[in-house]
Amino acid sequence: MDLRIQKTKAAIKEAFFELRRKKPIEKITVTELSRLAGINKATFYLHYSDIYSLADEMEDEVIDDILSEIQGLNKFFDDPKKHSADLFMAFMKNRAMLNYIFSGSRYSQFSKKVEERIKAHLYAEFPKLRNRRNDVVLSFIIQGTFHTVSASIPDKDADYSEEFAIISRLTDHIISELIPPEE
């Protein structure tokens, strides 16, 4: 990608992030965002159809970052406790982005996207494991972890070992319901 396009998109995303920390997505205008990014509206529309298409792209990038931090995600069914812990840590690492950009009306939509992407990845690897029971268990682990992390008050110096321990204990009980992959 052209360096100018990269810089322009980075400026747009930085401006969007700054505005999202202050107000809901429904209150952000292209005019306001363009002014803050130092571009004109036509330039914004060269890259995005509207504010929501920008939000969608940023959500997908954050999800990609989260999933890339979970080493061996395709082995989730082999060691769900480890991968649930990795998911918790990936959410914690990206918590500021989750809490600012994807709050309000985008909150549940984002967590649903994360769940869908994880399930799609897992079931592509293990299609025989797609069943209602595994869907429910995976939903509970993914959504429960996400909502626990997003509900915790962001504090870069805090020790989240207690939350991690609780999620770990709950996950131990929940994963007993997963059907393991066939050898």
N, C-alpha and C. Protein backbone atom coordinates (compact mmCIF):
# COMPACT_ATOMS: atom_id res chain seq x y z
N MET A 1 0.84 -1.18 0.00
CA MET A 1 0.00 0.00 0.00
C MET A 1 0.88 1.24 0.00
N ASP A 2 0.48 2.21 -0.76
CA ASP A 2 1.17 3.49 -0.88
C ASP A 2 1.35 4.12 0.50
N LEU A 3 2.52 4.70 0.76
CA LEU A 3 2.83 5.31 2.06
C LEU A 3 1.86 6.44 2.39
N ARG A 4 1.45 7.21 1.39
CA ARG A 4 0.50 8.31 1.64
C ARG A 4 -0.85 7.78 2.10
N ILE A 5 -1.27 6.69 1.50
CA ILE A 5 -2.55 6.07 1.90
C ILE A 5 -2.44 5.55 3.33
N GLN A 6 -1.30 4.90 3.64
CA GLN A 6 -1.10 4.40 5.00
C GLN A 6 -1.16 5.53 6.02
N LYS A 7 -0.48 6.64 5.72
CA LYS A 7 -0.47 7.78 6.64
C LYS A 7 -1.86 8.39 6.80
N THR A 8 -2.58 8.49 5.69
CA THR A 8 -3.93 9.05 5.74
C THR A 8 -4.85 8.17 6.58
N LYS A 9 -4.81 6.86 6.32
CA LYS A 9 -5.66 5.94 7.09
C LYS A 9 -5.27 5.94 8.57
N ALA A 10 -3.98 6.04 8.85
CA ALA A 10 -3.54 6.09 10.25
C ALA A 10 -4.06 7.35 10.92
N ALA A 11 -4.03 8.47 10.21
CA ALA A 11 -4.55 9.73 10.78
C ALA A 11 -6.06 9.64 11.02
N ILE A 12 -6.77 9.03 10.10
CA ILE A 12 -8.22 8.86 10.25
C ILE A 12 -8.52 7.98 11.47
N LYS A 13 -7.80 6.89 11.60
CA LYS A 13 -8.04 5.97 12.73
C LYS A 13 -7.66 6.60 14.07
N GLU A 14 -6.58 7.34 14.08
CA GLU A 14 -6.17 8.03 15.31
C GLU A 14 -7.22 9.07 15.72
N ALA A 15 -7.74 9.80 14.75
CA ALA A 15 -8.78 10.79 15.04
C ALA A 15 -10.05 10.10 15.53
N PHE A 16 -10.39 8.99 14.90
CA PHE A 16 -11.58 8.24 15.31
C PHE A 16 -11.44 7.75 16.74
N PHE A 17 -10.27 7.20 17.06
CA PHE A 17 -10.01 6.72 18.41
C PHE A 17 -10.15 7.86 19.43
N GLU A 18 -9.59 9.00 19.11
CA GLU A 18 -9.68 10.14 20.01
C GLU A 18 -11.13 10.58 20.21
N LEU A 19 -11.90 10.62 19.13
CA LEU A 19 -13.31 11.02 19.24
C LEU A 19 -14.14 9.99 20.00
N ARG A 20 -13.84 8.71 19.78
CA ARG A 20 -14.60 7.64 20.45
C ARG A 20 -14.35 7.63 21.96
N ARG A 21 -13.20 8.11 22.38
CA ARG A 21 -12.95 8.20 23.82
C ARG A 21 -13.85 9.25 24.46
N LYS A 22 -14.33 10.18 23.65
CA LYS A 22 -15.12 11.31 24.17
C LYS A 22 -16.62 11.18 23.94
N LYS A 23 -17.02 10.43 22.90
CA LYS A 23 -18.44 10.42 22.57
C LYS A 23 -18.84 9.13 21.86
N PRO A 24 -20.15 8.84 21.84
CA PRO A 24 -20.63 7.64 21.13
C PRO A 24 -20.47 7.79 19.62
N ILE A 25 -20.41 6.68 18.95
CA ILE A 25 -20.19 6.67 17.50
C ILE A 25 -21.29 7.44 16.78
N GLU A 26 -22.51 7.39 17.29
CA GLU A 26 -23.63 8.06 16.65
C GLU A 26 -23.48 9.58 16.64
N LYS A 27 -22.62 10.12 17.49
CA LYS A 27 -22.42 11.57 17.58
C LYS A 27 -21.21 12.06 16.79
N ILE A 28 -20.48 11.14 16.18
CA ILE A 28 -19.29 11.51 15.41
C ILE A 28 -19.69 11.78 13.97
N THR A 29 -19.25 12.92 13.46
CA THR A 29 -19.54 13.25 12.06
C THR A 29 -18.26 13.12 11.23
N VAL A 30 -18.45 12.90 9.95
CA VAL A 30 -17.32 12.82 9.04
C VAL A 30 -16.59 14.16 9.01
N THR A 31 -17.33 15.24 9.07
CA THR A 31 -16.73 16.57 9.07
C THR A 31 -15.80 16.75 10.26
N GLU A 32 -16.29 16.40 11.43
CA GLU A 32 -15.49 16.53 12.66
C GLU A 32 -14.26 15.63 12.62
N LEU A 33 -14.45 14.40 12.19
CA LEU A 33 -13.33 13.45 12.12
C LEU A 33 -12.30 13.91 11.10
N SER A 34 -12.76 14.37 9.95
CA SER A 34 -11.84 14.83 8.89
C SER A 34 -11.02 16.02 9.37
N ARG A 35 -11.68 16.94 10.03
CA ARG A 35 -10.98 18.12 10.55
C ARG A 35 -9.89 17.69 11.53
N LEU A 36 -10.23 16.80 12.45
CA LEU A 36 -9.26 16.33 13.45
C LEU A 36 -8.10 15.56 12.80
N ALA A 37 -8.40 14.81 11.74
CA ALA A 37 -7.38 14.02 11.04
C ALA A 37 -6.54 14.88 10.09
N GLY A 38 -6.97 16.10 9.84
CA GLY A 38 -6.22 16.97 8.94
C GLY A 38 -6.41 16.63 7.48
N ILE A 39 -7.60 16.14 7.15
CA ILE A 39 -7.92 15.79 5.76
C ILE A 39 -9.25 16.44 5.39
N ASN A 40 -9.61 16.37 4.12
CA ASN A 40 -10.94 16.85 3.76
C ASN A 40 -11.91 15.67 3.68
N LYS A 41 -13.20 15.99 3.66
CA LYS A 41 -14.23 14.94 3.67
C LYS A 41 -14.10 14.01 2.46
N ALA A 42 -13.75 14.57 1.32
CA ALA A 42 -13.62 13.74 0.11
C ALA A 42 -12.54 12.67 0.30
N THR A 43 -11.48 13.03 0.98
CA THR A 43 -10.42 12.05 1.25
C THR A 43 -10.94 10.94 2.16
N PHE A 44 -11.71 11.31 3.17
CA PHE A 44 -12.31 10.28 4.04
C PHE A 44 -13.14 9.31 3.18
N TYR A 45 -13.98 9.87 2.31
CA TYR A 45 -14.87 9.03 1.50
C TYR A 45 -14.15 8.21 0.42
N LEU A 46 -12.90 8.55 0.13
CA LEU A 46 -12.10 7.69 -0.75
C LEU A 46 -11.79 6.35 -0.08
N HIS A 47 -11.73 6.38 1.26
CA HIS A 47 -11.33 5.19 2.00
C HIS A 47 -12.50 4.47 2.69
N TYR A 48 -13.53 5.21 3.08
CA TYR A 48 -14.64 4.63 3.84
C TYR A 48 -15.96 5.20 3.35
N SER A 49 -16.99 4.38 3.38
CA SER A 49 -18.30 4.85 2.95
C SER A 49 -18.99 5.69 4.02
N ASP A 50 -18.65 5.41 5.29
CA ASP A 50 -19.21 6.18 6.40
C ASP A 50 -18.43 5.85 7.68
N ILE A 51 -18.84 6.44 8.78
CA ILE A 51 -18.18 6.21 10.07
C ILE A 51 -18.25 4.74 10.46
N TYR A 52 -19.36 4.09 10.14
CA TYR A 52 -19.54 2.70 10.54
C TYR A 52 -18.63 1.74 9.77
N SER A 53 -18.34 2.05 8.52
CA SER A 53 -17.40 1.19 7.78
C SER A 53 -15.99 1.33 8.36
N LEU A 54 -15.65 2.52 8.83
CA LEU A 54 -14.38 2.72 9.53
C LEU A 54 -14.36 1.90 10.81
N ALA A 55 -15.45 1.97 11.58
CA ALA A 55 -15.54 1.20 12.83
C ALA A 55 -15.42 -0.29 12.55
N ASP A 56 -16.08 -0.78 11.50
CA ASP A 56 -16.00 -2.20 11.14
C ASP A 56 -14.56 -2.62 10.85
N GLU A 57 -13.85 -1.79 10.07
CA GLU A 57 -12.46 -2.12 9.73
C GLU A 57 -11.60 -2.15 10.99
N MET A 58 -11.80 -1.18 11.88
CA MET A 58 -11.00 -1.14 13.11
C MET A 58 -11.34 -2.32 14.01
N GLU A 59 -12.61 -2.70 14.08
CA GLU A 59 -12.99 -3.88 14.85
C GLU A 59 -12.29 -5.12 14.32
N ASP A 60 -12.31 -5.29 13.00
CA ASP A 60 -11.66 -6.45 12.40
C ASP A 60 -10.16 -6.47 12.70
N GLU A 61 -9.52 -5.32 12.69
CA GLU A 61 -8.09 -5.25 13.01
C GLU A 61 -7.83 -5.63 14.47
N VAL A 62 -8.68 -5.16 15.37
CA VAL A 62 -8.52 -5.51 16.79
C VAL A 62 -8.75 -7.00 16.99
N ILE A 63 -9.75 -7.56 16.32
CA ILE A 63 -10.01 -9.00 16.43
C ILE A 63 -8.81 -9.78 15.90
N ASP A 64 -8.25 -9.34 14.77
CA ASP A 64 -7.05 -10.01 14.23
C ASP A 64 -5.91 -9.96 15.24
N ASP A 65 -5.72 -8.81 15.89
CA ASP A 65 -4.68 -8.68 16.92
C ASP A 65 -4.92 -9.64 18.08
N ILE A 66 -6.17 -9.70 18.53
CA ILE A 66 -6.51 -10.58 19.65
C ILE A 66 -6.26 -12.03 19.27
N LEU A 67 -6.75 -12.43 18.12
CA LEU A 67 -6.58 -13.83 17.70
C LEU A 67 -5.12 -14.18 17.45
N SER A 68 -4.33 -13.22 16.99
CA SER A 68 -2.92 -13.51 16.75
C SER A 68 -2.15 -13.73 18.05
N GLU A 69 -2.69 -13.22 19.15
CA GLU A 69 -2.03 -13.39 20.45
C GLU A 69 -2.35 -14.74 21.10
N ILE A 70 -3.30 -15.46 20.54
CA ILE A 70 -3.66 -16.77 21.08
C ILE A 70 -2.92 -17.82 20.27
N GLN A 71 -1.79 -18.23 20.78
CA GLN A 71 -0.94 -19.18 20.08
C GLN A 71 -1.65 -20.53 19.97
N GLY A 72 -1.68 -21.07 18.76
CA GLY A 72 -2.27 -22.39 18.57
C GLY A 72 -3.77 -22.43 18.80
N LEU A 73 -4.47 -21.40 18.38
CA LEU A 73 -5.92 -21.35 18.59
C LEU A 73 -6.61 -22.60 18.05
N ASN A 74 -6.07 -23.15 16.97
CA ASN A 74 -6.68 -24.35 16.41
C ASN A 74 -6.55 -25.56 17.33
N LYS A 75 -5.79 -25.42 18.40
CA LYS A 75 -5.66 -26.51 19.39
C LYS A 75 -6.54 -26.25 20.62
N PHE A 76 -7.48 -25.34 20.50
CA PHE A 76 -8.34 -24.97 21.63
C PHE A 76 -9.00 -26.20 22.25
N PHE A 77 -9.49 -27.10 21.43
CA PHE A 77 -10.18 -28.28 21.96
C PHE A 77 -9.22 -29.24 22.66
N ASP A 78 -7.93 -29.18 22.31
CA ASP A 78 -6.95 -30.03 22.98
C ASP A 78 -6.63 -29.50 24.38
N ASP A 79 -6.57 -28.20 24.53
CA ASP A 79 -6.22 -27.59 25.82
C ASP A 79 -7.04 -26.31 26.03
N PRO A 80 -8.35 -26.46 26.26
CA PRO A 80 -9.21 -25.28 26.38
C PRO A 80 -8.85 -24.38 27.56
N LYS A 81 -8.32 -24.94 28.63
CA LYS A 81 -7.94 -24.11 29.79
C LYS A 81 -6.83 -23.14 29.39
N LYS A 82 -5.80 -23.63 28.71
CA LYS A 82 -4.69 -22.78 28.28
C LYS A 82 -5.18 -21.70 27.32
N HIS A 83 -6.00 -22.09 26.36
CA HIS A 83 -6.44 -21.13 25.36
C HIS A 83 -7.46 -20.14 25.90
N SER A 84 -8.21 -20.53 26.91
CA SER A 84 -9.10 -19.58 27.58
C SER A 84 -8.25 -18.55 28.33
N ALA A 85 -7.17 -19.00 28.93
CA ALA A 85 -6.26 -18.08 29.61
C ALA A 85 -5.62 -17.13 28.59
N ASP A 86 -5.23 -17.66 27.44
CA ASP A 86 -4.65 -16.82 26.39
C ASP A 86 -5.68 -15.78 25.91
N LEU A 87 -6.93 -16.21 25.79
CA LEU A 87 -7.99 -15.30 25.37
C LEU A 87 -8.16 -14.18 26.40
N PHE A 88 -8.17 -14.53 27.67
CA PHE A 88 -8.27 -13.54 28.74
C PHE A 88 -7.14 -12.52 28.64
N MET A 89 -5.92 -13.00 28.48
CA MET A 89 -4.77 -12.12 28.41
C MET A 89 -4.83 -11.23 27.15
N ALA A 90 -5.28 -11.79 26.03
CA ALA A 90 -5.38 -11.00 24.79
C ALA A 90 -6.43 -9.90 24.95
N PHE A 91 -7.55 -10.22 25.58
CA PHE A 91 -8.57 -9.20 25.84
C PHE A 91 -8.02 -8.14 26.79
N MET A 92 -7.30 -8.57 27.82
CA MET A 92 -6.74 -7.60 28.78
C MET A 92 -5.76 -6.66 28.09
N LYS A 93 -4.93 -7.21 27.24
CA LYS A 93 -3.93 -6.40 26.54
C LYS A 93 -4.59 -5.34 25.65
N ASN A 94 -5.74 -5.68 25.08
CA ASN A 94 -6.44 -4.78 24.16
C ASN A 94 -7.63 -4.07 24.81
N ARG A 95 -7.69 -4.12 26.14
CA ARG A 95 -8.85 -3.60 26.88
C ARG A 95 -9.10 -2.11 26.62
N ALA A 96 -8.07 -1.30 26.55
CA ALA A 96 -8.28 0.14 26.32
C ALA A 96 -8.99 0.36 24.99
N MET A 97 -8.54 -0.33 23.96
CA MET A 97 -9.18 -0.22 22.65
C MET A 97 -10.62 -0.70 22.74
N LEU A 98 -10.84 -1.82 23.41
CA LEU A 98 -12.19 -2.37 23.54
C LEU A 98 -13.11 -1.41 24.27
N ASN A 99 -12.62 -0.83 25.36
CA ASN A 99 -13.46 0.04 26.18
C ASN A 99 -13.75 1.38 25.54
N TYR A 100 -12.85 1.92 24.74
CA TYR A 100 -13.08 3.23 24.14
C TYR A 100 -13.80 3.14 22.81
N ILE A 101 -13.24 2.41 21.89
CA ILE A 101 -13.78 2.41 20.54
C ILE A 101 -15.07 1.61 20.44
N PHE A 102 -15.15 0.53 21.18
CA PHE A 102 -16.25 -0.39 20.98
C PHE A 102 -17.23 -0.41 22.15
N SER A 103 -17.43 0.76 22.71
CA SER A 103 -18.42 0.88 23.78
C SER A 103 -19.75 1.29 23.18
N GLY A 104 -20.73 1.41 24.03
CA GLY A 104 -22.05 1.86 23.57
C GLY A 104 -22.70 0.87 22.63
N SER A 105 -23.24 1.38 21.53
CA SER A 105 -24.00 0.56 20.60
C SER A 105 -23.15 -0.49 19.90
N ARG A 106 -21.85 -0.32 19.86
CA ARG A 106 -20.96 -1.27 19.17
C ARG A 106 -20.50 -2.41 20.07
N TYR A 107 -20.77 -2.31 21.37
CA TYR A 107 -20.25 -3.25 22.36
C TYR A 107 -20.66 -4.70 22.06
N SER A 108 -21.95 -4.96 21.99
CA SER A 108 -22.39 -6.35 21.80
C SER A 108 -22.07 -6.83 20.40
N GLN A 109 -22.08 -5.94 19.44
CA GLN A 109 -21.74 -6.32 18.07
C GLN A 109 -20.29 -6.79 17.99
N PHE A 110 -19.41 -6.11 18.71
CA PHE A 110 -18.00 -6.48 18.68
C PHE A 110 -17.80 -7.85 19.32
N SER A 111 -18.39 -8.07 20.50
CA SER A 111 -18.19 -9.36 21.17
C SER A 111 -18.76 -10.51 20.34
N LYS A 112 -19.85 -10.25 19.64
CA LYS A 112 -20.42 -11.28 18.76
C LYS A 112 -19.47 -11.58 17.61
N LYS A 113 -18.84 -10.55 17.04
CA LYS A 113 -17.87 -10.75 15.96
C LYS A 113 -16.68 -11.60 16.44
N VAL A 114 -16.20 -11.30 17.64
CA VAL A 114 -15.08 -12.07 18.18
C VAL A 114 -15.48 -13.54 18.29
N GLU A 115 -16.64 -13.78 18.85
CA GLU A 115 -17.13 -15.15 19.01
C GLU A 115 -17.26 -15.86 17.66
N GLU A 116 -17.86 -15.18 16.70
CA GLU A 116 -18.04 -15.79 15.38
C GLU A 116 -16.71 -16.14 14.72
N ARG A 117 -15.74 -15.24 14.84
CA ARG A 117 -14.43 -15.48 14.23
C ARG A 117 -13.71 -16.66 14.90
N ILE A 118 -13.78 -16.74 16.22
CA ILE A 118 -13.12 -17.84 16.92
C ILE A 118 -13.79 -19.16 16.54
N LYS A 119 -15.10 -19.19 16.56
CA LYS A 119 -15.81 -20.42 16.21
C LYS A 119 -15.53 -20.82 14.76
N ALA A 120 -15.55 -19.87 13.85
CA ALA A 120 -15.27 -20.18 12.44
C ALA A 120 -13.89 -20.80 12.30
N HIS A 121 -12.92 -20.23 13.01
CA HIS A 121 -11.56 -20.75 12.96
C HIS A 121 -11.51 -22.18 13.51
N LEU A 122 -12.13 -22.40 14.65
CA LEU A 122 -12.10 -23.73 15.28
C LEU A 122 -12.85 -24.77 14.46
N TYR A 123 -14.03 -24.42 13.99
CA TYR A 123 -14.83 -25.40 13.26
C TYR A 123 -14.30 -25.66 11.86
N ALA A 124 -13.52 -24.74 11.31
CA ALA A 124 -12.87 -25.01 10.04
C ALA A 124 -11.84 -26.12 10.23
N GLU A 125 -11.19 -26.11 11.38
CA GLU A 125 -10.19 -27.12 11.71
C GLU A 125 -10.85 -28.44 12.16
N PHE A 126 -11.95 -28.32 12.91
CA PHE A 126 -12.62 -29.49 13.48
C PHE A 126 -14.11 -29.47 13.15
N PRO A 127 -14.48 -29.67 11.88
CA PRO A 127 -15.90 -29.57 11.50
C PRO A 127 -16.79 -30.58 12.22
N LYS A 128 -16.26 -31.73 12.58
CA LYS A 128 -17.08 -32.74 13.26
C LYS A 128 -17.46 -32.31 14.68
N LEU A 129 -16.77 -31.33 15.22
CA LEU A 129 -17.06 -30.89 16.59
C LEU A 129 -18.12 -29.79 16.65
N ARG A 130 -18.57 -29.37 15.48
CA ARG A 130 -19.62 -28.35 15.48
C ARG A 130 -20.93 -29.02 15.89
N ASN A 131 -21.38 -28.66 17.06
CA ASN A 131 -22.66 -29.13 17.57
C ASN A 131 -23.18 -28.12 18.57
N ARG A 132 -24.40 -28.28 18.94
CA ARG A 132 -25.05 -27.31 19.81
C ARG A 132 -24.35 -27.19 21.17
N ARG A 133 -23.95 -28.32 21.72
CA ARG A 133 -23.31 -28.32 23.05
C ARG A 133 -21.99 -27.55 23.01
N ASN A 134 -21.14 -27.85 22.04
CA ASN A 134 -19.87 -27.14 21.93
C ASN A 134 -20.09 -25.66 21.64
N ASP A 135 -21.10 -25.35 20.83
CA ASP A 135 -21.42 -23.95 20.56
C ASP A 135 -21.75 -23.20 21.85
N VAL A 136 -22.57 -23.81 22.68
CA VAL A 136 -22.98 -23.16 23.94
C VAL A 136 -21.77 -22.98 24.86
N VAL A 137 -20.95 -24.01 24.98
CA VAL A 137 -19.79 -23.94 25.86
C VAL A 137 -18.80 -22.89 25.36
N LEU A 138 -18.52 -22.89 24.07
CA LEU A 138 -17.61 -21.89 23.51
C LEU A 138 -18.17 -20.48 23.67
N SER A 139 -19.46 -20.30 23.43
CA SER A 139 -20.08 -18.99 23.62
C SER A 139 -19.91 -18.51 25.05
N PHE A 140 -20.13 -19.40 25.98
CA PHE A 140 -20.02 -19.04 27.40
C PHE A 140 -18.59 -18.63 27.75
N ILE A 141 -17.64 -19.40 27.29
CA ILE A 141 -16.24 -19.08 27.59
C ILE A 141 -15.83 -17.76 26.94
N ILE A 142 -16.12 -17.60 25.65
CA ILE A 142 -15.70 -16.40 24.92
C ILE A 142 -16.42 -15.16 25.45
N GLN A 143 -17.75 -15.23 25.52
CA GLN A 143 -18.52 -14.07 25.97
C GLN A 143 -18.25 -13.76 27.44
N GLY A 144 -18.18 -14.80 28.26
CA GLY A 144 -17.91 -14.58 29.69
C GLY A 144 -16.56 -13.92 29.92
N THR A 145 -15.56 -14.37 29.20
CA THR A 145 -14.23 -13.78 29.32
C THR A 145 -14.25 -12.34 28.84
N PHE A 146 -14.86 -12.11 27.68
CA PHE A 146 -14.92 -10.75 27.13
C PHE A 146 -15.63 -9.79 28.08
N HIS A 147 -16.79 -10.18 28.56
CA HIS A 147 -17.56 -9.28 29.42
C HIS A 147 -16.90 -9.06 30.77
N THR A 148 -16.21 -10.06 31.28
CA THR A 148 -15.47 -9.88 32.54
C THR A 148 -14.35 -8.86 32.35
N VAL A 149 -13.62 -8.99 31.28
CA VAL A 149 -12.53 -8.06 31.00
C VAL A 149 -13.07 -6.65 30.77
N SER A 150 -14.10 -6.53 29.96
CA SER A 150 -14.60 -5.19 29.64
C SER A 150 -15.27 -4.53 30.84
N ALA A 151 -15.75 -5.32 31.80
CA ALA A 151 -16.38 -4.75 32.99
C ALA A 151 -15.36 -4.32 34.04
N SER A 152 -14.13 -4.86 33.95
CA SER A 152 -13.12 -4.48 34.94
C SER A 152 -12.63 -3.07 34.65
N ILE A 153 -12.37 -2.33 35.69
CA ILE A 153 -11.94 -0.94 35.54
C ILE A 153 -10.50 -0.92 35.05
N PRO A 154 -10.25 -0.26 33.92
CA PRO A 154 -8.89 -0.22 33.39
C PRO A 154 -7.92 0.47 34.35
N ASP A 155 -6.86 -0.22 34.67
CA ASP A 155 -5.81 0.33 35.52
C ASP A 155 -4.53 -0.39 35.14
N LYS A 156 -3.65 0.34 34.48
CA LYS A 156 -2.43 -0.30 33.95
C LYS A 156 -1.55 -0.90 35.03
N ASP A 157 -1.68 -0.42 36.28
CA ASP A 157 -0.84 -0.93 37.36
C ASP A 157 -1.53 -1.99 38.20
N ALA A 158 -2.78 -2.31 37.88
CA ALA A 158 -3.54 -3.26 38.69
C ALA A 158 -3.07 -4.69 38.45
N ASP A 159 -3.29 -5.50 39.46
CA ASP A 159 -3.00 -6.93 39.38
C ASP A 159 -4.33 -7.63 39.11
N TYR A 160 -4.44 -8.28 37.97
CA TYR A 160 -5.69 -8.93 37.60
C TYR A 160 -5.63 -10.44 37.85
N SER A 161 -4.76 -10.87 38.72
CA SER A 161 -4.63 -12.30 38.98
C SER A 161 -5.89 -12.90 39.59
N GLU A 162 -6.62 -12.10 40.38
CA GLU A 162 -7.85 -12.63 40.98
C GLU A 162 -8.90 -12.91 39.90
N GLU A 163 -9.09 -11.95 38.98
CA GLU A 163 -10.03 -12.16 37.88
C GLU A 163 -9.60 -13.35 37.02
N PHE A 164 -8.30 -13.43 36.78
CA PHE A 164 -7.77 -14.54 35.99
C PHE A 164 -8.04 -15.87 36.69
N ALA A 165 -7.83 -15.93 37.99
CA ALA A 165 -8.06 -17.16 38.75
C ALA A 165 -9.53 -17.57 38.72
N ILE A 166 -10.41 -16.60 38.83
CA ILE A 166 -11.85 -16.90 38.78
C ILE A 166 -12.23 -17.46 37.42
N ILE A 167 -11.78 -16.80 36.37
CA ILE A 167 -12.09 -17.27 35.02
C ILE A 167 -11.50 -18.66 34.80
N SER A 168 -10.30 -18.89 35.30
CA SER A 168 -9.66 -20.19 35.16
C SER A 168 -10.46 -21.28 35.85
N ARG A 169 -10.92 -21.02 37.07
CA ARG A 169 -11.72 -22.02 37.80
C ARG A 169 -13.05 -22.28 37.10
N LEU A 170 -13.69 -21.24 36.66
CA LEU A 170 -14.97 -21.41 35.96
C LEU A 170 -14.76 -22.18 34.65
N THR A 171 -13.70 -21.84 33.95
CA THR A 171 -13.42 -22.51 32.69
C THR A 171 -13.18 -24.00 32.91
N ASP A 172 -12.49 -24.36 34.00
CA ASP A 172 -12.28 -25.77 34.31
C ASP A 172 -13.60 -26.53 34.37
N HIS A 173 -14.59 -25.92 35.01
CA HIS A 173 -15.89 -26.57 35.12
C HIS A 173 -16.62 -26.61 33.78
N ILE A 174 -16.53 -25.54 33.04
CA ILE A 174 -17.25 -25.44 31.77
C ILE A 174 -16.66 -26.36 30.71
N ILE A 175 -15.34 -26.47 30.64
CA ILE A 175 -14.73 -27.25 29.56
C ILE A 175 -14.99 -28.74 29.70
N SER A 176 -15.40 -29.16 30.87
CA SER A 176 -15.73 -30.58 31.00
C SER A 176 -16.92 -30.94 30.09
N GLU A 177 -17.64 -29.92 29.63
CA GLU A 177 -18.79 -30.15 28.73
C GLU A 177 -18.37 -30.20 27.26
N LEU A 178 -17.14 -29.78 26.95
CA LEU A 178 -16.70 -29.83 25.55
C LEU A 178 -16.47 -31.27 25.12
N ILE A 179 -16.82 -31.52 23.89
CA ILE A 179 -16.54 -32.84 23.33
C ILE A 179 -15.14 -32.76 22.73
N PRO A 180 -14.20 -33.60 23.20
CA PRO A 180 -12.82 -33.51 22.69
C PRO A 180 -12.71 -33.96 21.24
N PRO A 181 -11.67 -33.47 20.55
CA PRO A 181 -11.48 -33.90 19.16
C PRO A 181 -11.07 -35.37 19.12
N GLU A 182 -11.42 -36.01 18.01
CA GLU A 182 -11.03 -37.41 17.85
C GLU A 182 -9.57 -37.49 17.47
N GLU A 183 -8.90 -38.44 18.00
CA GLU A 183 -7.48 -38.64 17.68
C GLU A 183 -7.35 -39.31 16.34
